[in-house]
Protein backbone atom coordinates (compact mmCIF):
# COMPACT_ATOMS: atom_id res chain seq x y z
CA MET A 1 -16.29 -15.72 13.09
CA GLY A 2 -14.53 -16.40 9.84
CA VAL A 3 -11.94 -13.84 7.78
CA LEU A 4 -12.43 -10.46 6.19
CA ALA A 5 -9.38 -9.41 3.20
CA LEU A 6 -9.67 -6.03 2.22
CA VAL A 7 -8.27 -5.61 -1.60
CA GLY A 8 -6.96 -2.38 -3.26
CA THR A 9 -6.57 -2.40 -6.75
CA ARG A 10 -6.69 0.57 -9.10
CA ASN A 11 -10.30 -0.53 -10.37
CA GLY A 12 -11.66 -0.16 -6.36
CA LEU A 13 -11.66 -2.07 -3.00
CA PHE A 14 -12.44 -5.73 -2.81
CA LEU A 15 -13.96 -7.81 0.33
CA LEU A 16 -13.14 -11.37 0.13
CA ARG A 17 -14.57 -13.65 3.32
CA ALA A 18 -14.18 -17.02 3.99
CA GLY A 19 -15.11 -18.90 6.46
CA ASP A 20 -12.61 -20.23 9.24
CA ASP A 21 -11.62 -23.34 6.95
CA ARG A 22 -10.92 -20.74 4.20
CA ASP A 23 -11.88 -23.81 1.79
CA SER A 24 -14.54 -20.77 -0.36
CA TRP A 25 -14.25 -17.09 -1.31
CA ASP A 26 -16.82 -14.75 -1.57
CA VAL A 27 -16.20 -11.58 -3.34
CA GLU A 28 -18.60 -8.24 -3.00
CA GLY A 29 -16.85 -5.52 -4.96
CA PRO A 30 -15.22 -3.49 -6.57
CA LEU A 31 -16.63 -0.80 -4.11
CA LEU A 32 -15.53 2.70 -4.95
CA GLU A 33 -15.19 1.97 -8.58
CA GLY A 34 -12.98 3.45 -10.68
CA TRP A 35 -10.84 4.90 -7.51
CA GLY A 36 -7.55 3.77 -6.88
CA VAL A 37 -7.46 2.09 -3.77
CA PHE A 38 -4.00 1.85 -2.22
CA HIS A 39 -4.51 1.01 1.71
CA ALA A 40 -7.74 -0.10 3.91
CA ILE A 41 -8.56 -1.29 7.12
CA VAL A 42 -11.91 -1.83 8.80
CA ASP A 43 -12.91 -0.67 12.43
CA GLU A 44 -14.63 -3.81 13.81
CA ARG A 45 -16.28 -1.30 15.99
CA ASP A 46 -18.76 -0.08 13.22
CA GLY A 47 -17.96 -1.82 10.44
CA THR A 48 -16.23 1.07 8.69
CA ILE A 49 -14.02 0.87 6.60
CA PHE A 50 -11.00 3.27 6.30
CA ALA A 51 -9.61 3.78 2.85
CA ALA A 52 -6.36 5.70 1.39
CA ALA A 53 -7.61 6.53 -2.40
CA ASN A 54 -7.12 8.14 -5.87
CA HIS A 55 -9.30 8.55 -8.71
CA LEU A 56 -6.83 9.53 -12.48
CA VAL A 57 -9.76 11.47 -13.79
CA CYS A 58 -10.12 13.96 -10.45
CA ALA A 59 -6.13 13.53 -9.74
CA ARG A 60 -6.09 13.89 -6.68
CA PRO A 61 -5.95 11.78 -3.09
CA CYS A 62 -8.73 11.63 -1.29
CA ASN A 63 -9.90 9.57 2.19
CA ALA A 64 -13.04 7.53 1.66
CA ARG A 65 -14.85 5.81 4.18
CA VAL A 66 -17.10 2.86 3.02
CA THR A 67 -19.42 1.07 5.65
CA VAL A 68 -20.43 -2.38 4.74
CA GLU A 69 -21.84 -5.29 6.44
CA VAL A 70 -19.43 -6.69 8.72
CA PRO A 71 -20.84 -9.69 10.54
CA GLY A 72 -22.30 -8.73 13.92
CA VAL A 73 -22.00 -5.26 12.82
CA GLY A 74 -24.13 -3.83 10.55
CA ARG A 75 -24.48 -1.80 7.24
CA GLY A 76 -24.14 2.15 6.50
CA ARG A 77 -23.08 4.50 3.63
CA SER A 78 -20.23 5.24 1.83
CA ALA A 79 -18.81 9.33 1.29
CA CYS A 80 -15.26 10.59 -0.28
CA GLN A 81 -13.17 13.82 1.16
CA ARG A 82 -10.58 15.57 -0.18
CA SER A 83 -7.31 14.89 1.79
CA PRO A 84 -5.81 18.65 3.55
CA ALA A 85 -3.99 20.22 0.73
């Protein structure tokens, strides 16, 4: 099954994947490049990753939805929506 770690940074969201033994890790990203990602979770039902992000230039928070390949789930699209005022 393996391990998926979501790592939010000021430079975007990174996905770290490893097998059950965790001897080596594969890094994917940055997703949402240029956005500061403060929190992220994955919905294992469909592979959607929900992230709380902020962009320094736009100076506004947003809720991002990124669908990436999660083993046994699939691959999809990404979107960013402005948070309610």
